[in-house]
Amino acid sequence: REAAALGARREIDPAVVRAIFTAVSLFPVGSWIRIDGRGEGRVVRVGGPDEARPLVWLPDEVGGGRHVELPESGELRWEPIAAPARWRDDPLAGF
């Protein structure tokens, strides 16, 4: 996060920040995160036009779910979490 903030303020070259995010993701594929206003989700892809905005699978109550690029607008506020109990035995959930 600090690297992204420094790049946004142009305290370091944004190209360097982009290279860091390409090499080391803020959102490891397969990790679970809690997203403000969206609930819990699983990171299924990183990269794309903005390396700081992953594709996340948001499960629903009946065992399905949907994939969304985050965020649609505004600041992404998230925190890493352990896999929810319902999904711990399913390593491919969301993929």
C-alpha atoms as a PDB file:
ATOM      1  CA  ARG A   1       0.000   0.000   0.000  1.00  0.00           C
ATOM      2  CA  GLU A   2       2.821   2.330   0.845  1.00  0.00           C
ATOM      3  CA  ALA A   3       4.383   1.882  -2.598  1.00  0.00           C
ATOM      4  CA  ALA A   4       1.037   2.694  -4.228  1.00  0.00           C
ATOM      5  CA  ALA A   5       0.656   5.810  -2.083  1.00  0.00           C
ATOM      6  CA  LEU A   6       4.183   6.979  -2.918  1.00  0.00           C
ATOM      7  CA  GLY A   7       3.532   6.425  -6.623  1.00  0.00           C
ATOM      8  CA  ALA A   8       0.226   8.277  -6.464  1.00  0.00           C
ATOM      9  CA  ARG A   9       1.983  11.255  -4.868  1.00  0.00           C
ATOM     10  CA  ARG A  10       4.753  10.971  -7.493  1.00  0.00           C
ATOM     11  CA  GLU A  11       7.346  10.557  -4.741  1.00  0.00           C
ATOM     12  CA  ILE A  12       8.592   7.563  -6.708  1.00  0.00           C
ATOM     13  CA  ASP A  13       8.202   6.830 -10.401  1.00  0.00           C
ATOM     14  CA  PRO A  14       4.762   5.254 -11.064  1.00  0.00           C
ATOM     15  CA  ALA A  15       6.450   2.907 -13.570  1.00  0.00           C
ATOM     16  CA  VAL A  16       8.511   1.494 -10.689  1.00  0.00           C
ATOM     17  CA  VAL A  17       5.350   0.963  -8.628  1.00  0.00           C
ATOM     18  CA  ARG A  18       3.712  -0.802 -11.588  1.00  0.00           C
ATOM     19  CA  ALA A  19       6.755  -3.082 -11.948  1.00  0.00           C
ATOM     20  CA  ILE A  20       6.628  -3.940  -8.244  1.00  0.00           C
ATOM     21  CA  PHE A  21       2.930  -4.806  -8.452  1.00  0.00           C
ATOM     22  CA  THR A  22       3.527  -6.937 -11.528  1.00  0.00           C
ATOM     23  CA  ALA A  23       6.231  -8.932  -9.731  1.00  0.00           C
ATOM     24  CA  VAL A  24       4.662  -9.117  -6.265  1.00  0.00           C
ATOM     25  CA  SER A  25       0.905  -8.892  -6.007  1.00  0.00           C
ATOM     26  CA  LEU A  26      -0.945  -7.165  -3.194  1.00  0.00           C
ATOM     27  CA  PHE A  27      -3.623  -9.786  -3.758  1.00  0.00           C
ATOM     28  CA  PRO A  28      -2.186 -13.328  -4.055  1.00  0.00           C
ATOM     29  CA  VAL A  29      -4.363 -15.541  -6.251  1.00  0.00           C
ATOM     30  CA  GLY A  30      -6.429 -17.858  -4.055  1.00  0.00           C
ATOM     31  CA  SER A  31      -6.366 -15.584  -1.009  1.00  0.00           C
ATOM     32  CA  TRP A  32      -9.564 -14.501   0.725  1.00  0.00           C
ATOM     33  CA  ILE A  33     -10.312 -10.863   1.471  1.00  0.00           C
ATOM     34  CA  ARG A  34     -13.074  -8.873   3.148  1.00  0.00           C
ATOM     35  CA  ILE A  35     -14.092  -5.930   1.003  1.00  0.00           C
ATOM     36  CA  ASP A  36     -15.877  -2.929   2.461  1.00  0.00           C
ATOM     37  CA  GLY A  37     -19.458  -2.878   1.246  1.00  0.00           C
ATOM     38  CA  ARG A  38     -19.103  -6.148  -0.705  1.00  0.00           C
ATOM     39  CA  GLY A  39     -18.528  -8.905   1.843  1.00  0.00           C
ATOM     40  CA  GLU A  40     -15.966 -11.671   1.514  1.00  0.00           C
ATOM     41  CA  GLY A  41     -14.368 -12.793  -1.703  1.00  0.00           C
ATOM     42  CA  ARG A  42     -11.570 -14.850  -3.195  1.00  0.00           C
ATOM     43  CA  VAL A  43      -8.914 -13.397  -5.470  1.00  0.00           C
ATOM     44  CA  VAL A  44      -8.979 -15.319  -8.751  1.00  0.00           C
ATOM     45  CA  ARG A  45      -6.826 -13.064 -10.947  1.00  0.00           C
ATOM     46  CA  VAL A  46      -4.474 -10.152 -10.583  1.00  0.00           C
ATOM     47  CA  GLY A  47      -3.089  -7.858 -13.217  1.00  0.00           C
ATOM     48  CA  GLY A  48      -4.944  -6.353 -16.080  1.00  0.00           C
ATOM     49  CA  PRO A  49      -5.002  -2.620 -16.647  1.00  0.00           C
ATOM     50  CA  ASP A  50      -4.523  -1.844 -12.947  1.00  0.00           C
ATOM     51  CA  GLU A  51      -2.439  -4.328 -10.958  1.00  0.00           C
ATOM     52  CA  ALA A  52      -3.903  -3.051  -7.683  1.00  0.00           C
ATOM     53  CA  ARG A  53      -7.428  -4.081  -8.683  1.00  0.00           C
ATOM     54  CA  PRO A  54      -7.948  -7.845  -8.779  1.00  0.00           C
ATOM     55  CA  LEU A  55     -10.747  -9.984 -10.153  1.00  0.00           C
ATOM     56  CA  VAL A  56     -12.583 -11.354  -7.109  1.00  0.00           C
ATOM     57  CA  TRP A  57     -15.168 -14.112  -6.804  1.00  0.00           C
ATOM     58  CA  LEU A  58     -17.974 -13.126  -4.427  1.00  0.00           C
ATOM     59  CA  PRO A  59     -19.823 -16.266  -3.292  1.00  0.00           C
ATOM     60  CA  ASP A  60     -23.558 -16.215  -2.753  1.00  0.00           C
ATOM     61  CA  GLU A  61     -25.673 -18.057  -0.214  1.00  0.00           C
ATOM     62  CA  VAL A  62     -26.547 -21.005  -2.459  1.00  0.00           C
ATOM     63  CA  GLY A  63     -23.027 -22.041  -3.444  1.00  0.00           C
ATOM     64  CA  GLY A  64     -22.646 -20.009  -6.595  1.00  0.00           C
ATOM     65  CA  GLY A  65     -21.325 -16.527  -6.936  1.00  0.00           C
ATOM     66  CA  ARG A  66     -20.120 -13.918  -9.360  1.00  0.00           C
ATOM     67  CA  HIS A  67     -16.805 -12.515 -10.501  1.00  0.00           C
ATOM     68  CA  VAL A  68     -16.240  -8.776 -10.226  1.00  0.00           C
ATOM     69  CA  GLU A  69     -13.392  -6.415 -10.955  1.00  0.00           C
ATOM     70  CA  LEU A  70     -12.726  -4.301  -7.877  1.00  0.00           C
ATOM     71  CA  PRO A  71     -13.484  -1.587  -7.314  1.00  0.00           C
ATOM     72  CA  GLU A  72     -16.015  -0.309  -9.784  1.00  0.00           C
ATOM     73  CA  SER A  73     -15.267   3.155  -8.465  1.00  0.00           C
ATOM     74  CA  GLY A  74     -13.631   4.785  -5.503  1.00  0.00           C
ATOM     75  CA  GLU A  75     -11.091   3.489  -3.039  1.00  0.00           C
ATOM     76  CA  LEU A  76     -10.755  -0.232  -2.410  1.00  0.00           C
ATOM     77  CA  ARG A  77     -10.679  -0.983   1.300  1.00  0.00           C
ATOM     78  CA  TRP A  78      -9.917  -4.599   2.106  1.00  0.00           C
ATOM     79  CA  GLU A  79      -8.329  -6.865   4.652  1.00  0.00           C
ATOM     80  CA  PRO A  80      -7.002 -10.424   4.350  1.00  0.00           C
ATOM     81  CA  ILE A  81      -9.035 -13.117   6.110  1.00  0.00           C
ATOM     82  CA  ALA A  82      -8.947 -16.879   6.607  1.00  0.00           C
ATOM     83  CA  ALA A  83     -11.036 -18.917   4.204  1.00  0.00           C
ATOM     84  CA  PRO A  84     -14.653 -18.941   5.385  1.00  0.00           C
ATOM     85  CA  ALA A  85     -15.588 -22.299   6.963  1.00  0.00           C
ATOM     86  CA  ARG A  86     -17.985 -23.116   4.139  1.00  0.00           C
ATOM     87  CA  TRP A  87     -15.182 -22.943   1.555  1.00  0.00           C
ATOM     88  CA  ARG A  88     -12.163 -24.384   3.447  1.00  0.00           C
ATOM     89  CA  ASP A  89     -12.516 -27.839   1.898  1.00  0.00           C
ATOM     90  CA  ASP A  90     -12.920 -26.538  -1.650  1.00  0.00           C
ATOM     91  CA  PRO A  91      -9.548 -25.291  -2.942  1.00  0.00           C
ATOM     92  CA  LEU A  92     -11.064 -24.484  -6.352  1.00  0.00           C
ATOM     93  CA  ALA A  93     -14.005 -22.402  -5.118  1.00  0.00           C
ATOM     94  CA  GLY A  94     -14.330 -19.382  -7.342  1.00  0.00           C
ATOM     95  CA  PHE A  95     -12.036 -20.593 -10.109  1.00  0.00           C
END
